[in-house]
């Protein structure tokens, strides 16, 4: 459930981010931080994710995404505010 001080954002991660375990890495790291949301590959070669949870934790996750898994090369991350997400867990979604 969304609480005061929670933040929800959709991020689009650009660079070498597909075929390098970025989705699994994102899911693992988001779950470790207790975030809600999802992650998926996009047809344009980017990875898109929704992070929801305490604002500081969401910001920490976004910073972690700038590094990503070992084989990734992140060029930039775009972010936009999202509607609060109350669904528990962090899920892999099909390519969009």
PDB file of N, CA and C in Angstrom:
ATOM      1  N   UNK A   1       0.839  -1.179   0.000  1.00  0.00           N
ATOM      2  CA  UNK A   1       0.000   0.000   0.000  1.00  0.00           C
ATOM      3  C   UNK A   1       0.882   1.240   0.000  1.00  0.00           C
ATOM      4  N   UNK A   2       0.522   2.237  -0.799  1.00  0.00           N
ATOM      5  CA  UNK A   2       1.272   3.478  -0.859  1.00  0.00           C
ATOM      6  C   UNK A   2       1.108   4.231   0.457  1.00  0.00           C
ATOM      7  N   UNK A   3       2.192   4.794   0.950  1.00  0.00           N
ATOM      8  CA  UNK A   3       2.179   5.535   2.205  1.00  0.00           C
ATOM      9  C   UNK A   3       2.708   6.936   1.959  1.00  0.00           C
ATOM     10  N   UNK A   4       2.500   7.796   2.948  1.00  0.00           N
ATOM     11  CA  UNK A   4       3.051   9.141   2.855  1.00  0.00           C
ATOM     12  C   UNK A   4       4.559   9.020   2.662  1.00  0.00           C
ATOM     13  N   UNK A   5       5.110   9.812   1.772  1.00  0.00           N
ATOM     14  CA  UNK A   5       6.537   9.748   1.495  1.00  0.00           C
ATOM     15  C   UNK A   5       6.908   8.732   0.436  1.00  0.00           C
ATOM     16  N   UNK A   6       5.907   8.029  -0.103  1.00  0.00           N
ATOM     17  CA  UNK A   6       6.188   7.071  -1.174  1.00  0.00           C
ATOM     18  C   UNK A   6       6.319   7.802  -2.507  1.00  0.00           C
ATOM     19  N   UNK A   7       7.003   7.161  -3.420  1.00  0.00           N
ATOM     20  CA  UNK A   7       7.248   7.719  -4.756  1.00  0.00           C
ATOM     21  C   UNK A   7       7.049   6.604  -5.765  1.00  0.00           C
ATOM     22  N   UNK A   8       6.477   6.936  -6.906  1.00  0.00           N
ATOM     23  CA  UNK A   8       6.329   5.988  -8.012  1.00  0.00           C
ATOM     24  C   UNK A   8       6.838   6.652  -9.275  1.00  0.00           C
ATOM     25  N   UNK A   9       7.754   5.985  -9.966  1.00  0.00           N
ATOM     26  CA  UNK A   9       8.296   6.514 -11.214  1.00  0.00           C
ATOM     27  C   UNK A   9       8.430   5.402 -12.240  1.00  0.00           C
ATOM     28  N   UNK A  10       8.314   5.795 -13.492  1.00  0.00           N
ATOM     29  CA  UNK A  10       8.653   4.904 -14.601  1.00  0.00           C
ATOM     30  C   UNK A  10       9.982   5.388 -15.148  1.00  0.00           C
ATOM     31  N   UNK A  11      10.917   4.462 -15.285  1.00  0.00           N
ATOM     32  CA  UNK A  11      12.224   4.798 -15.844  1.00  0.00           C
ATOM     33  C   UNK A  11      12.416   4.060 -17.154  1.00  0.00           C
ATOM     34  N   UNK A  12      13.104   4.715 -18.074  1.00  0.00           N
ATOM     35  CA  UNK A  12      13.493   4.105 -19.351  1.00  0.00           C
ATOM     36  C   UNK A  12      15.009   4.154 -19.381  1.00  0.00           C
ATOM     37  N   UNK A  13      15.623   2.973 -19.459  1.00  0.00           N
ATOM     38  CA  UNK A  13      17.068   2.843 -19.366  1.00  0.00           C
ATOM     39  C   UNK A  13      17.619   2.579 -20.760  1.00  0.00           C
ATOM     40  N   UNK A  14      18.517   3.459 -21.195  1.00  0.00           N
ATOM     41  CA  UNK A  14      19.093   3.415 -22.542  1.00  0.00           C
ATOM     42  C   UNK A  14      20.542   2.942 -22.476  1.00  0.00           C
ATOM     43  N   UNK A  15      20.978   2.263 -23.522  1.00  0.00           N
ATOM     44  CA  UNK A  15      22.360   1.807 -23.631  1.00  0.00           C
ATOM     45  C   UNK A  15      22.396   0.330 -23.967  1.00  0.00           C
ATOM     46  N   UNK A  16      23.448  -0.318 -23.549  1.00  0.00           N
ATOM     47  CA  UNK A  16      23.559  -1.775 -23.734  1.00  0.00           C
ATOM     48  C   UNK A  16      22.906  -2.415 -22.516  1.00  0.00           C
ATOM     49  N   UNK A  17      21.589  -2.616 -22.613  1.00  0.00           N
ATOM     50  CA  UNK A  17      20.824  -3.065 -21.448  1.00  0.00           C
ATOM     51  C   UNK A  17      19.969  -4.294 -21.722  1.00  0.00           C
ATOM     52  N   UNK A  18      19.986  -4.789 -22.948  1.00  0.00           N
ATOM     53  CA  UNK A  18      19.285  -6.037 -23.244  1.00  0.00           C
ATOM     54  C   UNK A  18      20.322  -7.110 -23.557  1.00  0.00           C
ATOM     55  N   UNK A  19      20.020  -8.337 -23.133  1.00  0.00           N
ATOM     56  CA  UNK A  19      20.950  -9.440 -23.339  1.00  0.00           C
ATOM     57  C   UNK A  19      22.096  -9.455 -22.346  1.00  0.00           C
ATOM     58  N   UNK A  20      21.980  -8.674 -21.270  1.00  0.00           N
ATOM     59  CA  UNK A  20      23.038  -8.598 -20.252  1.00  0.00           C
ATOM     60  C   UNK A  20      22.466  -8.838 -18.851  1.00  0.00           C
ATOM     61  N   UNK A  21      21.301  -9.494 -18.772  1.00  0.00           N
ATOM     62  CA  UNK A  21      20.638  -9.828 -17.507  1.00  0.00           C
ATOM     63  C   UNK A  21      20.130  -8.605 -16.748  1.00  0.00           C
ATOM     64  N   UNK A  22      19.848  -7.514 -17.455  1.00  0.00           N
ATOM     65  CA  UNK A  22      19.413  -6.291 -16.773  1.00  0.00           C
ATOM     66  C   UNK A  22      18.072  -6.483 -16.070  1.00  0.00           C
ATOM     67  N   UNK A  23      17.116  -7.170 -16.701  1.00  0.00           N
ATOM     68  CA  UNK A  23      15.800  -7.352 -16.062  1.00  0.00           C
ATOM     69  C   UNK A  23      15.919  -8.162 -14.780  1.00  0.00           C
ATOM     70  N   UNK A  24      16.613  -9.283 -14.829  1.00  0.00           N
ATOM     71  CA  UNK A  24      16.764 -10.117 -13.629  1.00  0.00           C
ATOM     72  C   UNK A  24      17.514  -9.369 -12.534  1.00  0.00           C
ATOM     73  N   UNK A  25      18.548  -8.634 -12.915  1.00  0.00           N
ATOM     74  CA  UNK A  25      19.314  -7.837 -11.958  1.00  0.00           C
ATOM     75  C   UNK A  25      18.407  -6.783 -11.312  1.00  0.00           C
ATOM     76  N   UNK A  26      17.577  -6.132 -12.134  1.00  0.00           N
ATOM     77  CA  UNK A  26      16.669  -5.104 -11.621  1.00  0.00           C
ATOM     78  C   UNK A  26      15.664  -5.716 -10.651  1.00  0.00           C
ATOM     79  N   UNK A  27      15.087  -6.844 -11.039  1.00  0.00           N
ATOM     80  CA  UNK A  27      14.113  -7.490 -10.158  1.00  0.00           C
ATOM     81  C   UNK A  27      14.764  -7.862  -8.826  1.00  0.00           C
ATOM     82  N   UNK A  28      15.920  -8.470  -8.869  1.00  0.00           N
ATOM     83  CA  UNK A  28      16.612  -8.875  -7.641  1.00  0.00           C
ATOM     84  C   UNK A  28      16.905  -7.675  -6.742  1.00  0.00           C
ATOM     85  N   UNK A  29      17.422  -6.599  -7.327  1.00  0.00           N
ATOM     86  CA  UNK A  29      17.786  -5.425  -6.546  1.00  0.00           C
ATOM     87  C   UNK A  29      16.568  -4.683  -6.019  1.00  0.00           C
ATOM     88  N   UNK A  30      15.508  -4.624  -6.798  1.00  0.00           N
ATOM     89  CA  UNK A  30      14.281  -3.966  -6.333  1.00  0.00           C
ATOM     90  C   UNK A  30      13.644  -4.769  -5.199  1.00  0.00           C
ATOM     91  N   UNK A  31      13.621  -6.088  -5.329  1.00  0.00           N
ATOM     92  CA  UNK A  31      13.046  -6.928  -4.278  1.00  0.00           C
ATOM     93  C   UNK A  31      13.871  -6.821  -2.997  1.00  0.00           C
ATOM     94  N   UNK A  32      15.174  -6.793  -3.128  1.00  0.00           N
ATOM     95  CA  UNK A  32      16.046  -6.659  -1.953  1.00  0.00           C
ATOM     96  C   UNK A  32      15.744  -5.354  -1.208  1.00  0.00           C
ATOM     97  N   UNK A  33      15.356  -4.325  -1.946  1.00  0.00           N
ATOM     98  CA  UNK A  33      15.041  -3.036  -1.333  1.00  0.00           C
ATOM     99  C   UNK A  33      13.570  -2.923  -0.897  1.00  0.00           C
ATOM    100  N   UNK A  34      12.779  -3.958  -1.180  1.00  0.00           N
ATOM    101  CA  UNK A  34      11.379  -3.950  -0.783  1.00  0.00           C
ATOM    102  C   UNK A  34      10.488  -3.084  -1.659  1.00  0.00           C
ATOM    103  N   UNK A  35      10.932  -2.812  -2.892  1.00  0.00           N
ATOM    104  CA  UNK A  35      10.138  -1.981  -3.802  1.00  0.00           C
ATOM    105  C   UNK A  35       9.061  -2.801  -4.491  1.00  0.00           C
ATOM    106  N   UNK A  36       8.019  -2.121  -4.905  1.00  0.00           N
ATOM    107  CA  UNK A  36       6.962  -2.713  -5.725  1.00  0.00           C
ATOM    108  C   UNK A  36       7.180  -2.241  -7.160  1.00  0.00           C
ATOM    109  N   UNK A  37       6.649  -3.025  -8.118  1.00  0.00           N
ATOM    110  CA  UNK A  37       6.725  -2.578  -9.497  1.00  0.00           C
ATOM    111  C   UNK A  37       6.963  -3.701 -10.471  1.00  0.00           C
ATOM    112  N   UNK A  38       7.588  -3.341 -11.597  1.00  0.00           N
ATOM    113  CA  UNK A  38       7.829  -4.288 -12.677  1.00  0.00           C
ATOM    114  C   UNK A  38       8.968  -3.802 -13.547  1.00  0.00           C
ATOM    115  N   UNK A  39       9.473  -4.716 -14.398  1.00  0.00           N
ATOM    116  CA  UNK A  39      10.522  -4.379 -15.358  1.00  0.00           C
ATOM    117  C   UNK A  39      10.269  -5.185 -16.628  1.00  0.00           C
ATOM    118  N   UNK A  40      10.593  -4.589 -17.781  1.00  0.00           N
ATOM    119  CA  UNK A  40      10.419  -5.285 -19.064  1.00  0.00           C
ATOM    120  C   UNK A  40      11.378  -4.714 -20.092  1.00  0.00           C
ATOM    121  N   UNK A  41      11.693  -5.536 -21.093  1.00  0.00           N
ATOM    122  CA  UNK A  41      12.415  -5.068 -22.270  1.00  0.00           C
ATOM    123  C   UNK A  41      11.428  -4.354 -23.178  1.00  0.00           C
ATOM    124  N   UNK A  42      11.930  -3.409 -23.950  1.00  0.00           N
ATOM    125  CA  UNK A  42      11.107  -2.714 -24.938  1.00  0.00           C
ATOM    126  C   UNK A  42      11.667  -3.008 -26.333  1.00  0.00           C
ATOM    127  N   UNK A  43      10.777  -2.966 -27.309  1.00  0.00           N
ATOM    128  CA  UNK A  43      11.167  -3.268 -28.698  1.00  0.00           C
ATOM    129  C   UNK A  43      12.266  -2.345 -29.220  1.00  0.00           C
ATOM    130  N   UNK A  44      12.411  -1.154 -28.640  1.00  0.00           N
ATOM    131  CA  UNK A  44      13.416  -0.203 -29.125  1.00  0.00           C
ATOM    132  C   UNK A  44      14.803  -0.445 -28.519  1.00  0.00           C
ATOM    133  N   UNK A  45      14.966  -1.528 -27.731  1.00  0.00           N
ATOM    134  CA  UNK A  45      16.264  -1.856 -27.159  1.00  0.00           C
ATOM    135  C   UNK A  45      16.492  -1.307 -25.763  1.00  0.00           C
ATOM    136  N   UNK A  46      15.532  -0.572 -25.231  1.00  0.00           N
ATOM    137  CA  UNK A  46      15.647  -0.051 -23.870  1.00  0.00           C
ATOM    138  C   UNK A  46      15.028  -1.037 -22.885  1.00  0.00           C
ATOM    139  N   UNK A  47      15.213  -0.751 -21.611  1.00  0.00           N
ATOM    140  CA  UNK A  47      14.534  -1.463 -20.531  1.00  0.00           C
ATOM    141  C   UNK A  47      13.683  -0.431 -19.802  1.00  0.00           C
ATOM    142  N   UNK A  48      12.440  -0.808 -19.505  1.00  0.00           N
ATOM    143  CA  UNK A  48      11.512   0.080 -18.809  1.00  0.00           C
ATOM    144  C   UNK A  48      11.142  -0.562 -17.477  1.00  0.00           C
ATOM    145  N   UNK A  49      11.055   0.252 -16.438  1.00  0.00           N
ATOM    146  CA  UNK A  49      10.693  -0.263 -15.123  1.00  0.00           C
ATOM    147  C   UNK A  49       9.839   0.745 -14.384  1.00  0.00           C
ATOM    148  N   UNK A  50       8.978   0.225 -13.524  1.00  0.00           N
ATOM    149  CA  UNK A  50       8.224   1.064 -12.598  1.00  0.00           C
ATOM    150  C   UNK A  50       8.708   0.705 -11.204  1.00  0.00           C
ATOM    151  N   UNK A  51       9.154   1.717 -10.472  1.00  0.00           N
ATOM    152  CA  UNK A  51       9.593   1.544  -9.088  1.00  0.00           C
ATOM    153  C   UNK A  51       8.635   2.303  -8.187  1.00  0.00           C
ATOM    154  N   UNK A  52       8.154   1.648  -7.136  1.00  0.00           N
ATOM    155  CA  UNK A  52       7.256   2.281  -6.177  1.00  0.00           C
ATOM    156  C   UNK A  52       7.677   1.888  -4.772  1.00  0.00           C
ATOM    157  N   UNK A  53       7.717   2.888  -3.894  1.00  0.00           N
ATOM    158  CA  UNK A  53       8.093   2.647  -2.509  1.00  0.00           C
ATOM    159  C   UNK A  53       8.557   3.937  -1.879  1.00  0.00           C
ATOM    160  N   UNK A  54       9.230   3.847  -0.739  1.00  0.00           N
ATOM    161  CA  UNK A  54       9.739   5.058  -0.091  1.00  0.00           C
ATOM    162  C   UNK A  54      10.633   5.852  -1.049  1.00  0.00           C
ATOM    163  N   UNK A  55      10.448   7.168  -1.073  1.00  0.00           N
ATOM    164  CA  UNK A  55      11.151   8.018  -2.046  1.00  0.00           C
ATOM    165  C   UNK A  55      12.658   7.803  -2.033  1.00  0.00           C
ATOM    166  N   UNK A  56      13.264   7.739  -0.857  1.00  0.00           N
ATOM    167  CA  UNK A  56      14.719   7.570  -0.786  1.00  0.00           C
ATOM    168  C   UNK A  56      15.148   6.229  -1.366  1.00  0.00           C
ATOM    169  N   UNK A  57      14.349   5.195  -1.175  1.00  0.00           N
ATOM    170  CA  UNK A  57      14.679   3.865  -1.693  1.00  0.00           C
ATOM    171  C   UNK A  57      14.519   3.817  -3.200  1.00  0.00           C
ATOM    172  N   UNK A  58      13.476   4.466  -3.722  1.00  0.00           N
ATOM    173  CA  UNK A  58      13.296   4.546  -5.175  1.00  0.00           C
ATOM    174  C   UNK A  58      14.485   5.284  -5.792  1.00  0.00           C
ATOM    175  N   UNK A  59      14.883   6.400  -5.194  1.00  0.00           N
ATOM    176  CA  UNK A  59      16.026   7.160  -5.713  1.00  0.00           C
ATOM    177  C   UNK A  59      17.308   6.324  -5.676  1.00  0.00           C
ATOM    178  N   UNK A  60      17.488   5.541  -4.606  1.00  0.00           N
ATOM    179  CA  UNK A  60      18.650   4.657  -4.488  1.00  0.00           C
ATOM    180  C   UNK A  60      18.646   3.611  -5.601  1.00  0.00           C
ATOM    181  N   UNK A  61      17.477   3.071  -5.909  1.00  0.00           N
ATOM    182  CA  UNK A  61      17.362   2.064  -6.968  1.00  0.00           C
ATOM    183  C   UNK A  61      17.693   2.672  -8.326  1.00  0.00           C
ATOM    184  N   UNK A  62      17.211   3.871  -8.570  1.00  0.00           N
ATOM    185  CA  UNK A  62      17.516   4.542  -9.842  1.00  0.00           C
ATOM    186  C   UNK A  62      19.025   4.754  -9.969  1.00  0.00           C
ATOM    187  N   UNK A  63      19.679   5.156  -8.889  1.00  0.00           N
ATOM    188  CA  UNK A  63      21.135   5.335  -8.920  1.00  0.00           C
ATOM    189  C   UNK A  63      21.829   4.004  -9.203  1.00  0.00           C
ATOM    190  N   UNK A  64      21.334   2.918  -8.607  1.00  0.00           N
ATOM    191  CA  UNK A  64      21.912   1.597  -8.863  1.00  0.00           C
ATOM    192  C   UNK A  64      21.770   1.223 -10.338  1.00  0.00           C
ATOM    193  N   UNK A  65      20.654   1.609 -10.952  1.00  0.00           N
ATOM    194  CA  UNK A  65      20.428   1.305 -12.369  1.00  0.00           C
ATOM    195  C   UNK A  65      21.427   2.005 -13.275  1.00  0.00           C
ATOM    196  N   UNK A  66      21.980   3.119 -12.832  1.00  0.00           N
ATOM    197  CA  UNK A  66      23.011   3.792 -13.633  1.00  0.00           C
ATOM    198  C   UNK A  66      24.243   2.900 -13.778  1.00  0.00           C
ATOM    199  N   UNK A  67      24.479   2.024 -12.808  1.00  0.00           N
ATOM    200  CA  UNK A  67      25.586   1.066 -12.887  1.00  0.00           C
ATOM    201  C   UNK A  67      25.118  -0.215 -13.564  1.00  0.00           C
ATOM    202  N   UNK A  68      23.996  -0.762 -13.095  1.00  0.00           N
ATOM    203  CA  UNK A  68      23.440  -1.980 -13.672  1.00  0.00           C
ATOM    204  C   UNK A  68      24.319  -3.193 -13.444  1.00  0.00           C
ATOM    205  N   UNK A  69      23.977  -4.310 -14.106  1.00  0.00           N
ATOM    206  CA  UNK A  69      24.803  -5.509 -13.987  1.00  0.00           C
ATOM    207  C   UNK A  69      26.134  -5.325 -14.705  1.00  0.00           C
ATOM    208  N   UNK A  70      27.048  -6.234 -14.430  1.00  0.00           N
ATOM    209  CA  UNK A  70      28.431  -6.118 -14.909  1.00  0.00           C
ATOM    210  C   UNK A  70      28.564  -5.873 -16.413  1.00  0.00           C
ATOM    211  N   UNK A  71      27.792  -6.558 -17.237  1.00  0.00           N
ATOM    212  CA  UNK A  71      27.948  -6.460 -18.689  1.00  0.00           C
ATOM    213  C   UNK A  71      27.180  -5.290 -19.313  1.00  0.00           C
ATOM    214  N   UNK A  72      26.378  -4.598 -18.522  1.00  0.00           N
ATOM    215  CA  UNK A  72      25.575  -3.489 -19.057  1.00  0.00           C
ATOM    216  C   UNK A  72      26.432  -2.236 -19.236  1.00  0.00           C
ATOM    217  N   UNK A  73      25.970  -1.384 -20.145  1.00  0.00           N
ATOM    218  CA  UNK A  73      26.558  -0.062 -20.324  1.00  0.00           C
ATOM    219  C   UNK A  73      25.393   0.922 -20.420  1.00  0.00           C
ATOM    220  N   UNK A  74      25.094   1.597 -19.345  1.00  0.00           N
ATOM    221  CA  UNK A  74      23.957   2.513 -19.296  1.00  0.00           C
ATOM    222  C   UNK A  74      24.400   3.877 -19.805  1.00  0.00           C
ATOM    223  N   UNK A  75      23.684   4.383 -20.815  1.00  0.00           N
ATOM    224  CA  UNK A  75      23.995   5.691 -21.375  1.00  0.00           C
ATOM    225  C   UNK A  75      23.196   6.786 -20.696  1.00  0.00           C
ATOM    226  N   UNK A  76      21.921   6.504 -20.426  1.00  0.00           N
ATOM    227  CA  UNK A  76      21.091   7.487 -19.724  1.00  0.00           C
ATOM    228  C   UNK A  76      19.828   6.817 -19.217  1.00  0.00           C
ATOM    229  N   UNK A  77      19.203   7.470 -18.242  1.00  0.00           N
ATOM    230  CA  UNK A  77      17.938   7.005 -17.693  1.00  0.00           C
ATOM    231  C   UNK A  77      16.973   8.179 -17.694  1.00  0.00           C
ATOM    232  N   UNK A  78      15.842   7.995 -18.368  1.00  0.00           N
ATOM    233  CA  UNK A  78      14.769   8.986 -18.349  1.00  0.00           C
ATOM    234  C   UNK A  78      13.759   8.533 -17.309  1.00  0.00           C
ATOM    235  N   UNK A  79      13.195   9.474 -16.570  1.00  0.00           N
ATOM    236  CA  UNK A  79      12.184   9.093 -15.593  1.00  0.00           C
ATOM    237  C   UNK A  79      11.003  10.043 -15.624  1.00  0.00           C
ATOM    238  N   UNK A  80       9.835   9.462 -15.408  1.00  0.00           N
ATOM    239  CA  UNK A  80       8.603  10.241 -15.343  1.00  0.00           C
ATOM    240  C   UNK A  80       7.794   9.755 -14.145  1.00  0.00           C
ATOM    241  N   UNK A  81       7.061  10.671 -13.495  1.00  0.00           N
ATOM    242  CA  UNK A  81       6.216  10.254 -12.373  1.00  0.00           C
ATOM    243  C   UNK A  81       5.169   9.244 -12.841  1.00  0.00           C
ATOM    244  N   UNK A  82       4.787   8.360 -11.948  1.00  0.00           N
ATOM    245  CA  UNK A  82       3.782   7.337 -12.261  1.00  0.00           C
ATOM    246  C   UNK A  82       2.697   7.372 -11.189  1.00  0.00           C
ATOM    247  N   UNK A  83       1.561   6.801 -11.536  1.00  0.00           N
ATOM    248  CA  UNK A  83       0.489   6.642 -10.555  1.00  0.00           C
ATOM    249  C   UNK A  83       0.985   5.710  -9.450  1.00  0.00           C
ATOM    250  N   UNK A  84       0.598   5.956  -8.208  1.00  0.00           N
ATOM    251  CA  UNK A  84       1.015   5.066  -7.122  1.00  0.00           C
ATOM    252  C   UNK A  84       0.607   3.627  -7.414  1.00  0.00           C
ATOM    253  N   UNK A  85       1.482   2.719  -7.064  1.00  0.00           N
ATOM    254  CA  UNK A  85       1.219   1.297  -7.294  1.00  0.00           C
ATOM    255  C   UNK A  85       1.110   0.606  -5.943  1.00  0.00           C
ATOM    256  N   UNK A  86      -0.006  -0.061  -5.732  1.00  0.00           N
ATOM    257  CA  UNK A  86      -0.224  -0.746  -4.462  1.00  0.00           C
ATOM    258  C   UNK A  86      -0.022  -2.251  -4.551  1.00  0.00           C
ATOM    259  N   UNK A  87       0.062  -2.785  -5.769  1.00  0.00           N
ATOM    260  CA  UNK A  87       0.229  -4.230  -5.940  1.00  0.00           C
ATOM    261  C   UNK A  87       1.561  -4.664  -5.329  1.00  0.00           C
ATOM    262  N   UNK A  88       1.540  -5.705  -4.492  1.00  0.00           N
ATOM    263  CA  UNK A  88       2.790  -6.145  -3.860  1.00  0.00           C
ATOM    264  C   UNK A  88       3.720  -6.842  -4.848  1.00  0.00           C
ATOM    265  N   UNK A  89       4.991  -6.865  -4.520  1.00  0.00           N
ATOM    266  CA  UNK A  89       5.971  -7.601  -5.302  1.00  0.00           C
ATOM    267  C   UNK A  89       6.579  -6.787  -6.418  1.00  0.00           C
ATOM    268  N   UNK A  90       7.581  -7.386  -7.039  1.00  0.00           N
ATOM    269  CA  UNK A  90       8.268  -6.775  -8.183  1.00  0.00           C
ATOM    270  C   UNK A  90       8.343  -7.837  -9.256  1.00  0.00           C
ATOM    271  N   UNK A  91       7.784  -7.552 -10.425  1.00  0.00           N
ATOM    272  CA  UNK A  91       7.511  -8.567 -11.438  1.00  0.00           C
ATOM    273  C   UNK A  91       8.247  -8.312 -12.749  1.00  0.00           C
ATOM    274  N   UNK A  92       8.567  -9.401 -13.444  1.00  0.00           N
ATOM    275  CA  UNK A  92       9.052  -9.317 -14.826  1.00  0.00           C
ATOM    276  C   UNK A  92       7.829  -9.262 -15.711  1.00  0.00           C
ATOM    277  N   UNK A  93       7.832  -8.380 -16.693  1.00  0.00           N
ATOM    278  CA  UNK A  93       6.734  -8.272 -17.649  1.00  0.00           C
ATOM    279  C   UNK A  93       7.247  -8.616 -19.040  1.00  0.00           C
ATOM    280  N   UNK A  94       6.316  -9.030 -19.926  1.00  0.00           N
ATOM    281  CA  UNK A  94       6.733  -9.330 -21.297  1.00  0.00           C
ATOM    282  C   UNK A  94       7.210  -8.083 -22.037  1.00  0.00           C
ATOM    283  N   UNK A  95       7.986  -8.291 -23.077  1.00  0.00           N
ATOM    284  CA  UNK A  95       8.479  -7.188 -23.904  1.00  0.00           C
ATOM    285  C   UNK A  95       7.319  -6.373 -24.434  1.00  0.00           C
ATOM    286  N   UNK A  96       7.513  -5.052 -24.449  1.00  0.00           N
ATOM    287  CA  UNK A  96       6.466  -4.139 -24.944  1.00  0.00           C
ATOM    288  C   UNK A  96       6.948  -3.472 -26.224  1.00  0.00           C
TER     289      UNK A  96
END
